Every structure is written in C-alpha cells, then in structure tokens.
C-alpha atoms as a PDB file:
ATOM      1  CA  MET A   1     -24.859   8.682   4.475  1.00  0.00           C
ATOM      2  CA  SER A   2     -21.780   8.744   2.255  1.00  0.00           C
ATOM      3  CA  ASP A   3     -20.191   5.461   1.257  1.00  0.00           C
ATOM      4  CA  PRO A   4     -17.385   4.795   3.792  1.00  0.00           C
ATOM      5  CA  LEU A   5     -15.184   3.384   1.038  1.00  0.00           C
ATOM      6  CA  LEU A   6     -14.991   5.024  -2.384  1.00  0.00           C
ATOM      7  CA  PHE A   7     -13.719   3.304  -5.518  1.00  0.00           C
ATOM      8  CA  ASP A   8     -13.063   5.057  -8.815  1.00  0.00           C
ATOM      9  CA  VAL A   9     -11.319   3.881 -11.964  1.00  0.00           C
ATOM     10  CA  SER A  10     -10.126   6.355 -14.591  1.00  0.00           C
ATOM     11  CA  GLY A  11      -7.329   6.214 -17.135  1.00  0.00           C
ATOM     12  CA  GLY A  12      -6.078   2.874 -15.866  1.00  0.00           C
ATOM     13  CA  ILE A  13      -5.802   4.181 -12.286  1.00  0.00           C
ATOM     14  CA  ALA A  14      -7.998   2.792  -9.501  1.00  0.00           C
ATOM     15  CA  THR A  15      -8.378   5.135  -6.540  1.00  0.00           C
ATOM     16  CA  VAL A  16      -9.522   3.654  -3.236  1.00  0.00           C
ATOM     17  CA  THR A  17     -10.535   6.290  -0.686  1.00  0.00           C
ATOM     18  CA  LEU A  18     -11.340   5.590   2.944  1.00  0.00           C
ATOM     19  CA  ASN A  19     -14.257   7.930   3.520  1.00  0.00           C
ATOM     20  CA  ARG A  20     -15.079   8.447   7.179  1.00  0.00           C
ATOM     21  CA  PRO A  21     -13.434  11.837   7.661  1.00  0.00           C
ATOM     22  CA  ASP A  22     -15.251  12.519  10.946  1.00  0.00           C
ATOM     23  CA  LYS A  23     -13.573   9.375  12.370  1.00  0.00           C
ATOM     24  CA  LEU A  24     -10.202   9.923  10.682  1.00  0.00           C
ATOM     25  CA  ASN A  25     -11.228   7.055   8.381  1.00  0.00           C
ATOM     26  CA  ALA A  26     -11.210   4.472  11.164  1.00  0.00           C
ATOM     27  CA  LEU A  27     -11.877   0.953   9.927  1.00  0.00           C
ATOM     28  CA  THR A  28     -15.008  -1.122  10.514  1.00  0.00           C
ATOM     29  CA  THR A  29     -15.932  -4.680   9.575  1.00  0.00           C
ATOM     30  CA  SER A  30     -18.138  -3.401   6.743  1.00  0.00           C
ATOM     31  CA  ILE A  31     -15.245  -1.382   5.329  1.00  0.00           C
ATOM     32  CA  THR A  32     -12.880  -4.347   5.442  1.00  0.00           C
ATOM     33  CA  GLY A  33     -15.401  -6.512   3.585  1.00  0.00           C
ATOM     34  CA  ALA A  34     -15.820  -3.899   0.856  1.00  0.00           C
ATOM     35  CA  PHE A  35     -12.044  -3.409   0.705  1.00  0.00           C
ATOM     36  CA  LEU A  36     -11.503  -7.114   0.043  1.00  0.00           C
ATOM     37  CA  ASP A  37     -14.004  -7.021  -2.832  1.00  0.00           C
ATOM     38  CA  ILE A  38     -12.199  -4.018  -4.327  1.00  0.00           C
ATOM     39  CA  LEU A  39      -8.836  -5.782  -4.111  1.00  0.00           C
ATOM     40  CA  LYS A  40     -10.285  -8.730  -6.041  1.00  0.00           C
ATOM     41  CA  THR A  41     -11.481  -6.339  -8.744  1.00  0.00           C
ATOM     42  CA  CYS A  42      -8.079  -4.651  -8.931  1.00  0.00           C
ATOM     43  CA  ALA A  43      -6.374  -8.020  -9.351  1.00  0.00           C
ATOM     44  CA  ARG A  44      -8.753  -9.334 -12.014  1.00  0.00           C
ATOM     45  CA  ASP A  45      -9.397  -6.228 -14.121  1.00  0.00           C
ATOM     46  CA  ASP A  46      -6.613  -5.840 -16.677  1.00  0.00           C
ATOM     47  CA  SER A  47      -7.699  -2.259 -17.408  1.00  0.00           C
ATOM     48  CA  ILE A  48      -6.513  -1.315 -13.893  1.00  0.00           C
ATOM     49  CA  ARG A  49      -2.781  -0.733 -14.120  1.00  0.00           C
ATOM     50  CA  CYS A  50      -2.091   1.264 -10.956  1.00  0.00           C
ATOM     51  CA  VAL A  51      -3.854   1.593  -7.578  1.00  0.00           C
ATOM     52  CA  VAL A  52      -3.879   4.639  -5.300  1.00  0.00           C
ATOM     53  CA  LEU A  53      -4.918   4.264  -1.660  1.00  0.00           C
ATOM     54  CA  THR A  54      -5.785   7.373   0.352  1.00  0.00           C
ATOM     55  CA  GLY A  55      -8.137   8.840   2.938  1.00  0.00           C
ATOM     56  CA  SER A  56     -10.626  11.683   2.888  1.00  0.00           C
ATOM     57  CA  GLY A  57     -10.426  14.763   5.074  1.00  0.00           C
ATOM     58  CA  ARG A  58      -7.437  15.319   7.333  1.00  0.00           C
ATOM     59  CA  GLY A  59      -6.571  11.680   8.056  1.00  0.00           C
ATOM     60  CA  PHE A  60      -5.268   8.735   6.080  1.00  0.00           C
ATOM     61  CA  CYS A  61      -6.520   6.060   8.483  1.00  0.00           C
ATOM     62  CA  ALA A  62      -6.710   5.970  12.284  1.00  0.00           C
ATOM     63  CA  GLY A  63      -6.861   2.169  12.386  1.00  0.00           C
ATOM     64  CA  GLN A  64      -9.615   0.136  13.997  1.00  0.00           C
ATOM     65  CA  ASP A  65     -12.758   1.981  15.054  1.00  0.00           C
ATOM     66  CA  LEU A  66     -12.516   1.468  18.817  1.00  0.00           C
ATOM     67  CA  GLU A  67     -16.207   2.134  19.388  1.00  0.00           C
ATOM     68  CA  GLU A  68     -17.077  -0.808  17.152  1.00  0.00           C
ATOM     69  CA  PHE A  69     -14.300  -2.860  18.728  1.00  0.00           C
ATOM     70  CA  MET A  70     -15.665  -2.341  22.236  1.00  0.00           C
ATOM     71  CA  SER A  71     -19.246  -2.985  21.165  1.00  0.00           C
ATOM     72  CA  VAL A  72     -18.496  -6.438  19.744  1.00  0.00           C
ATOM     73  CA  GLN A  73     -15.894  -7.680  22.214  1.00  0.00           C
ATOM     74  CA  GLY A  74     -16.882 -11.147  23.311  1.00  0.00           C
ATOM     75  CA  GLU A  75     -18.758 -11.845  20.084  1.00  0.00           C
ATOM     76  CA  TRP A  76     -15.620 -12.785  18.195  1.00  0.00           C
ATOM     77  CA  SER A  77     -11.935 -13.241  18.995  1.00  0.00           C
ATOM     78  CA  VAL A  78      -9.478 -10.571  17.956  1.00  0.00           C
ATOM     79  CA  SER A  79      -7.370 -13.155  16.135  1.00  0.00           C
ATOM     80  CA  ASP A  80     -10.335 -14.243  14.011  1.00  0.00           C
ATOM     81  CA  HIS A  81     -11.144 -10.588  13.311  1.00  0.00           C
ATOM     82  CA  LEU A  82      -7.592 -10.055  12.077  1.00  0.00           C
ATOM     83  CA  ARG A  83      -7.534 -13.248  10.019  1.00  0.00           C
ATOM     84  CA  ARG A  84     -10.836 -12.500   8.288  1.00  0.00           C
ATOM     85  CA  GLY A  85     -10.182  -8.836   7.643  1.00  0.00           C
ATOM     86  CA  TYR A  86      -6.933  -6.944   8.091  1.00  0.00           C
ATOM     87  CA  ASN A  87      -4.610  -9.864   7.382  1.00  0.00           C
ATOM     88  CA  ARG A  88      -6.305 -10.516   4.051  1.00  0.00           C
ATOM     89  CA  ILE A  89      -6.248  -6.826   3.098  1.00  0.00           C
ATOM     90  CA  ILE A  90      -2.551  -6.437   3.901  1.00  0.00           C
ATOM     91  CA  SER A  91      -1.722  -9.619   1.971  1.00  0.00           C
ATOM     92  CA  GLY A  92      -3.915  -8.475  -0.918  1.00  0.00           C
ATOM     93  CA  LEU A  93      -2.127  -5.137  -1.221  1.00  0.00           C
ATOM     94  CA  TRP A  94       1.312  -6.671  -0.837  1.00  0.00           C
ATOM     95  CA  ASN A  95       0.730  -9.480  -3.335  1.00  0.00           C
ATOM     96  CA  LEU A  96      -1.171  -7.456  -5.944  1.00  0.00           C
ATOM     97  CA  GLU A  97       1.029  -7.592  -9.043  1.00  0.00           C
ATOM     98  CA  LYS A  98       0.315  -3.985  -9.914  1.00  0.00           C
ATOM     99  CA  PRO A  99       1.894  -0.867  -8.411  1.00  0.00           C
ATOM    100  CA  VAL A 100       0.121   0.475  -5.322  1.00  0.00           C
ATOM    101  CA  ILE A 101       0.718   4.071  -4.244  1.00  0.00           C
ATOM    102  CA  GLY A 102      -0.040   5.199  -0.715  1.00  0.00           C
ATOM    103  CA  LYS A 103      -1.243   8.783  -0.884  1.00  0.00           C
ATOM    104  CA  ILE A 104      -0.687   9.675   2.758  1.00  0.00           C
ATOM    105  CA  ASN A 105      -2.726  12.811   3.339  1.00  0.00           C
ATOM    106  CA  GLY A 106      -2.765  12.787   7.135  1.00  0.00           C
ATOM    107  CA  VAL A 107      -2.288  10.582  10.171  1.00  0.00           C
ATOM    108  CA  ALA A 108      -1.722   6.841   9.665  1.00  0.00           C
ATOM    109  CA  ALA A 109      -2.116   5.023  12.966  1.00  0.00           C
ATOM    110  CA  GLY A 110      -2.405   1.432  14.140  1.00  0.00           C
ATOM    111  CA  ALA A 111      -3.882  -0.739  11.390  1.00  0.00           C
ATOM    112  CA  GLY A 112      -3.842   2.412   9.250  1.00  0.00           C
ATOM    113  CA  LEU A 113      -0.059   2.394   9.528  1.00  0.00           C
ATOM    114  CA  GLY A 114      -0.132  -1.224   8.357  1.00  0.00           C
ATOM    115  CA  LEU A 115      -2.196  -0.199   5.317  1.00  0.00           C
ATOM    116  CA  ALA A 116       0.273   2.565   4.486  1.00  0.00           C
ATOM    117  CA  LEU A 117       3.311   0.311   4.819  1.00  0.00           C
ATOM    118  CA  ALA A 118       1.725  -2.391   2.644  1.00  0.00           C
ATOM    119  CA  THR A 119       1.716  -0.031  -0.352  1.00  0.00           C
ATOM    120  CA  ASP A 120       4.672  -0.065  -2.742  1.00  0.00           C
ATOM    121  CA  LEU A 121       5.346   3.670  -2.893  1.00  0.00           C
ATOM    122  CA  ARG A 122       4.329   6.234  -0.280  1.00  0.00           C
ATOM    123  CA  ILE A 123       3.960   9.899  -1.122  1.00  0.00           C
ATOM    124  CA  ALA A 124       3.203  11.916   2.001  1.00  0.00           C
ATOM    125  CA  SER A 125       1.777  15.351   2.595  1.00  0.00           C
ATOM    126  CA  ASP A 126       3.906  17.519   4.847  1.00  0.00           C
ATOM    127  CA  GLN A 127       0.928  17.301   7.214  1.00  0.00           C
ATOM    128  CA  ALA A 128       1.082  13.507   7.432  1.00  0.00           C
ATOM    129  CA  ALA A 129       2.096  11.658  10.580  1.00  0.00           C
ATOM    130  CA  PHE A 130       2.710   8.022  11.469  1.00  0.00           C
ATOM    131  CA  THR A 131       2.272   6.147  14.735  1.00  0.00           C
ATOM    132  CA  ALA A 132       1.943   2.491  15.656  1.00  0.00           C
ATOM    133  CA  ALA A 133      -0.438   3.464  18.507  1.00  0.00           C
ATOM    134  CA  PHE A 134      -1.028  -0.129  19.641  1.00  0.00           C
ATOM    135  CA  ILE A 135       0.997   0.236  22.839  1.00  0.00           C
ATOM    136  CA  GLY A 136      -1.184   3.152  23.938  1.00  0.00           C
ATOM    137  CA  ILE A 137      -4.036   0.714  24.528  1.00  0.00           C
ATOM    138  CA  GLY A 138      -1.857  -2.146  25.726  1.00  0.00           C
ATOM    139  CA  LEU A 139      -1.801  -4.091  22.476  1.00  0.00           C
ATOM    140  CA  VAL A 140       0.914  -5.533  20.253  1.00  0.00           C
ATOM    141  CA  PRO A 141       1.336  -4.473  16.611  1.00  0.00           C
ATOM    142  CA  ASP A 142      -0.794  -6.191  13.992  1.00  0.00           C
ATOM    143  CA  SER A 143      -1.779  -5.599  10.342  1.00  0.00           C
ATOM    144  CA  GLY A 144       1.785  -6.373   9.289  1.00  0.00           C
ATOM    145  CA  VAL A 145       3.343  -3.492  11.233  1.00  0.00           C
ATOM    146  CA  SER A 146       5.751  -5.807  13.108  1.00  0.00           C
ATOM    147  CA  TRP A 147       6.929  -7.182   9.743  1.00  0.00           C
ATOM    148  CA  PHE A 148       7.152  -4.004   7.662  1.00  0.00           C
ATOM    149  CA  LEU A 149       8.556  -1.588  10.218  1.00  0.00           C
ATOM    150  CA  PRO A 150      11.883  -3.305  11.074  1.00  0.00           C
ATOM    151  CA  ARG A 151      12.507  -3.964   7.396  1.00  0.00           C
ATOM    152  CA  LEU A 152      12.167  -0.260   6.643  1.00  0.00           C
ATOM    153  CA  VAL A 153      13.808   1.373   9.671  1.00  0.00           C
ATOM    154  CA  GLY A 154      15.808  -1.397  11.386  1.00  0.00           C
ATOM    155  CA  GLN A 155      15.074  -3.522  14.435  1.00  0.00           C
ATOM    156  CA  ALA A 156      16.117  -1.083  17.160  1.00  0.00           C
ATOM    157  CA  THR A 157      14.288   1.921  15.707  1.00  0.00           C
ATOM    158  CA  ALA A 158      11.201  -0.204  15.052  1.00  0.00           C
ATOM    159  CA  PHE A 159      11.171  -1.361  18.672  1.00  0.00           C
ATOM    160  CA  GLU A 160      11.547   2.221  19.885  1.00  0.00           C
ATOM    161  CA  LEU A 161       8.651   3.420  17.738  1.00  0.00           C
ATOM    162  CA  LEU A 162       6.449   0.508  18.753  1.00  0.00           C
ATOM    163  CA  VAL A 163       6.950   0.696  22.515  1.00  0.00           C
ATOM    164  CA  SER A 164       7.021   4.494  22.758  1.00  0.00           C
ATOM    165  CA  GLY A 165       3.954   5.091  20.612  1.00  0.00           C
ATOM    166  CA  GLU A 166       5.785   8.117  19.189  1.00  0.00           C
ATOM    167  CA  LYS A 167       4.071  10.076  16.448  1.00  0.00           C
ATOM    168  CA  VAL A 168       6.524  10.538  13.573  1.00  0.00           C
ATOM    169  CA  ASN A 169       6.045  13.633  11.422  1.00  0.00           C
ATOM    170  CA  ALA A 170       6.473  13.603   7.665  1.00  0.00           C
ATOM    171  CA  ASP A 171      10.043  14.921   7.609  1.00  0.00           C
ATOM    172  CA  ARG A 172      11.277  12.308  10.073  1.00  0.00           C
ATOM    173  CA  ALA A 173       9.323   9.621   8.234  1.00  0.00           C
ATOM    174  CA  LEU A 174      11.292  10.534   5.107  1.00  0.00           C
ATOM    175  CA  GLN A 175      14.581  10.391   7.023  1.00  0.00           C
ATOM    176  CA  LEU A 176      13.705   6.972   8.429  1.00  0.00           C
ATOM    177  CA  GLY A 177      12.665   5.592   5.044  1.00  0.00           C
ATOM    178  CA  LEU A 178       8.975   5.185   5.873  1.00  0.00           C
ATOM    179  CA  VAL A 179       7.980   7.240   2.827  1.00  0.00           C
ATOM    180  CA  ASN A 180       9.471   7.819  -0.622  1.00  0.00           C
ATOM    181  CA  ARG A 181       8.673  11.497  -0.859  1.00  0.00           C
ATOM    182  CA  VAL A 182       7.158  14.376   1.114  1.00  0.00           C
ATOM    183  CA  VAL A 183       5.392  17.206  -0.708  1.00  0.00           C
ATOM    184  CA  PRO A 184       3.472  20.303   0.405  1.00  0.00           C
ATOM    185  CA  HIS A 185      -0.081  19.354   1.310  1.00  0.00           C
ATOM    186  CA  ASP A 186      -1.612  21.355  -1.538  1.00  0.00           C
ATOM    187  CA  ALA A 187       0.725  19.643  -4.022  1.00  0.00           C
ATOM    188  CA  LEU A 188      -0.121  16.082  -2.930  1.00  0.00           C
ATOM    189  CA  ASP A 189      -2.893  15.483  -5.476  1.00  0.00           C
ATOM    190  CA  ALA A 190      -0.740  16.588  -8.394  1.00  0.00           C
ATOM    191  CA  ALA A 191       2.337  14.663  -7.261  1.00  0.00           C
ATOM    192  CA  VAL A 192       0.441  11.401  -6.845  1.00  0.00           C
ATOM    193  CA  ALA A 193      -1.480  11.875 -10.092  1.00  0.00           C
ATOM    194  CA  GLU A 194       1.770  12.356 -12.021  1.00  0.00           C
ATOM    195  CA  LEU A 195       3.335   9.236 -10.523  1.00  0.00           C
ATOM    196  CA  ALA A 196       0.184   7.157 -10.987  1.00  0.00           C
ATOM    197  CA  GLN A 197      -0.129   8.191 -14.626  1.00  0.00           C
ATOM    198  CA  HIS A 198       3.507   7.304 -15.238  1.00  0.00           C
ATOM    199  CA  LEU A 199       3.083   3.848 -13.685  1.00  0.00           C
ATOM    200  CA  ALA A 200      -0.263   3.203 -15.410  1.00  0.00           C
ATOM    201  CA  ALA A 201       1.399   3.889 -18.763  1.00  0.00           C
ATOM    202  CA  GLY A 202       4.235   1.494 -18.013  1.00  0.00           C
ATOM    203  CA  PRO A 203       4.691  -2.243 -18.649  1.00  0.00           C
ATOM    204  CA  THR A 204       2.270  -3.422 -15.956  1.00  0.00           C
ATOM    205  CA  ARG A 205       3.232  -7.076 -16.214  1.00  0.00           C
ATOM    206  CA  GLY A 206       6.906  -6.233 -15.855  1.00  0.00           C
ATOM    207  CA  ILE A 207       6.181  -4.010 -12.851  1.00  0.00           C
ATOM    208  CA  GLY A 208       4.138  -6.760 -11.242  1.00  0.00           C
ATOM    209  CA  LEU A 209       6.853  -9.331 -11.862  1.00  0.00           C
ATOM    210  CA  THR A 210       9.455  -6.948 -10.422  1.00  0.00           C
ATOM    211  CA  LYS A 211       7.317  -6.728  -7.291  1.00  0.00           C
ATOM    212  CA  ARG A 212       7.153 -10.535  -7.194  1.00  0.00           C
ATOM    213  CA  VAL A 213      10.919 -10.850  -7.514  1.00  0.00           C
ATOM    214  CA  LEU A 214      11.678  -8.308  -4.782  1.00  0.00           C
ATOM    215  CA  HIS A 215       9.328 -10.002  -2.352  1.00  0.00           C
ATOM    216  CA  LYS A 216      10.714 -13.461  -3.037  1.00  0.00           C
ATOM    217  CA  THR A 217      14.448 -12.680  -3.138  1.00  0.00           C
ATOM    218  CA  ALA A 218      14.324 -10.853   0.211  1.00  0.00           C
ATOM    219  CA  SER A 219      14.394 -14.259   1.909  1.00  0.00           C
ATOM    220  CA  LEU A 220      16.789 -16.039  -0.478  1.00  0.00           C
ATOM    221  CA  SER A 221      20.534 -16.481  -0.701  1.00  0.00           C
ATOM    222  CA  LEU A 222      22.315 -14.792  -3.589  1.00  0.00           C
ATOM    223  CA  ALA A 223      22.526 -18.062  -5.522  1.00  0.00           C
ATOM    224  CA  GLU A 224      18.819 -18.699  -4.976  1.00  0.00           C
ATOM    225  CA  ALA A 225      17.966 -15.123  -5.948  1.00  0.00           C
ATOM    226  CA  LEU A 226      19.932 -15.400  -9.184  1.00  0.00           C
ATOM    227  CA  GLU A 227      18.062 -18.573 -10.097  1.00  0.00           C
ATOM    228  CA  TYR A 228      14.685 -17.050  -9.227  1.00  0.00           C
ATOM    229  CA  GLU A 229      15.462 -13.962 -11.338  1.00  0.00           C
ATOM    230  CA  ALA A 230      16.249 -16.252 -14.270  1.00  0.00           C
ATOM    231  CA  LEU A 231      12.955 -18.116 -13.883  1.00  0.00           C
ATOM    232  CA  VAL A 232      10.849 -14.958 -13.727  1.00  0.00           C
ATOM    233  CA  GLN A 233      12.773 -13.386 -16.609  1.00  0.00           C
ATOM    234  CA  ASP A 234      11.484 -16.249 -18.765  1.00  0.00           C
ATOM    235  CA  ILE A 235       7.965 -15.008 -17.977  1.00  0.00           C
ATOM    236  CA  ALA A 236       8.788 -11.357 -18.643  1.00  0.00           C
ATOM    237  CA  VAL A 237      10.487 -11.975 -21.976  1.00  0.00           C
ATOM    238  CA  ASN A 238       7.297 -13.494 -23.348  1.00  0.00           C
ATOM    239  CA  THR A 239       5.096 -10.465 -22.620  1.00  0.00           C
ATOM    240  CA  ASN A 240       3.765  -8.163 -25.318  1.00  0.00           C
ATOM    241  CA  ASP A 241       5.193  -5.192 -23.450  1.00  0.00           C
ATOM    242  CA  HIS A 242       8.711  -6.633 -23.656  1.00  0.00           C
ATOM    243  CA  ARG A 243       8.354  -7.035 -27.405  1.00  0.00           C
ATOM    244  CA  GLU A 244       7.002  -3.473 -27.692  1.00  0.00           C
ATOM    245  CA  GLY A 245       9.838  -2.119 -25.544  1.00  0.00           C
ATOM    246  CA  VAL A 246      12.484  -3.753 -27.739  1.00  0.00           C
ATOM    247  CA  ALA A 247      10.766  -2.585 -30.937  1.00  0.00           C
ATOM    248  CA  ALA A 248      10.505   0.971 -29.628  1.00  0.00           C
ATOM    249  CA  PHE A 249      14.174   0.975 -28.642  1.00  0.00           C
ATOM    250  CA  LEU A 250      15.288  -0.234 -32.069  1.00  0.00           C
ATOM    251  CA  GLN A 251      12.973   2.220 -33.830  1.00  0.00           C
ATOM    252  CA  LYS A 252      14.092   5.090 -31.564  1.00  0.00           C
ATOM    253  CA  ARG A 253      10.583   5.957 -30.385  1.00  0.00           C
ATOM    254  CA  GLN A 254       8.653   5.968 -27.131  1.00  0.00           C
ATOM    255  CA  PRO A 255       7.114   2.596 -26.285  1.00  0.00           C
ATOM    256  CA  GLN A 256       3.341   2.242 -26.132  1.00  0.00           C
ATOM    257  CA  PHE A 257       2.863  -0.329 -23.409  1.00  0.00           C
ATOM    258  CA  GLN A 258      -0.501  -2.081 -23.082  1.00  0.00           C
ATOM    259  CA  GLY A 259       0.046  -3.746 -19.743  1.00  0.00           C
ATOM    260  CA  ARG A 260       0.213  -7.267 -21.132  1.00  0.00           C
END
C-alpha cells in the first residue's frame, strides 16, 4: 500500500501530501502521528525554508475518516482524540515560524478545512471547495475552524457557513477571503511552485518573525502592539539576512538570503 502521508524536501521546500485519494485524504490516527513527526522536522531543519501542504487525487482533505471514528468509539473520548492529534497539528502549523502554503487542490471539509485555514497562504484550484461539514453529523466545529473562520469572514458569515453546512466553491471562497488566490486546476502546480520558490529564497527568519508578530498583535492594543514590534525588531536586526539585505541595497544588487 502507498504511504498515506508523503514528505519530500527539495530546494528548501518541504511538501507534505495527504495520500489517501480513494478516501479524499480522510485523516486517521496513524496519519496524525506521522504528521506531528513531520512538523517537528520542519521546525528543526534549517534547510527547510517553506512548507507546502496538499492532497493527492481530487481532494485536499475530507476530515476525519468516519469509518475509523465509528470503529473506535468508546475506546477513547473525542476530546482526547482532538487534544492528542488535530489540536497539536493545527497549533504546529500555525506556530511554525516558516511560511506554510495550502495548495488546495479539491474539497477541504471538516478537520480538513481546519488544516487549510491553519496555513499562512492558500492557493486554490478552481475545482476546490470548502465546507465545515460538522453540522451534517450533529457535531460542533473543531480543528480550529471556530477560531479561524470568523476571523477570516466575520462572525455572522461564519455562523451561517457552520450551521448550514454549505459547500463554498473556489470563487466564493476568494470573495469571502478564505483563500488568497484561485487558479485554473491545471495551473495549480506551477502557481504554488513559483510562490514556494520565492518564499524559500527569502529571509526565512524575518518571515517567521513576521508571522510571530501578526499572531501576537491580533490580541493586543495599539500601544502593546507597538512595544511588541519593537521587541521583535531587536531580534530581526541581528539576523544575517538583515545584514545581507542592507548590504545588497547599498550595493544595488539582489540579496542572497540564507534563511538565518
């Protein structure tokens, strides 16, 4: 059998591919365990400067594999399942101080929607679709969906999408702000590769610190945000990439960032 989770690193870009196309890349406990190990590698390996998350076949991720879910009900609580698996994956993606691109090739549903929304930039195929799906089986949103969705589309629209279970196509997802860009399906690989290469060649530490600042200042007052920016700028100014950027500017050449 094929590995249900593929991991490839090339040219500073780590590509993580959910690989159960016959199940629309539905998640299992074995996949979540492997995913957590991959996230640790991405965080620790300085040669990895950008991460791409995608799915194989016609789906991005259909969320939890319900067949597995039904087979183990009673053996563990749902809350423990979330705490051990999905919660740690969502936090790992969100807190990874490297750019993460969601390459949304098809449907993202349930926990799969949470995975998509936890990425920093989402490039969607025109065949992609998004749905919370939880309400269809009488559940509440998890995997960060209740946190990400209202921040992206507003409280009222988030509530509507969550309680209706509506499937949002790629064009509407772009209008709502769920994705950064929609491209023709056959152009998705090239579009994501171009963006990933651009980010992998950038000042990785500065990008990671920018991510840190945006996450932190979202819950601060302006005065607090200004102070936090100042503190993190002290970190950024001492990076090799900052020194290279200044030198390149003064020498009127393109900078050669090393990600440090």
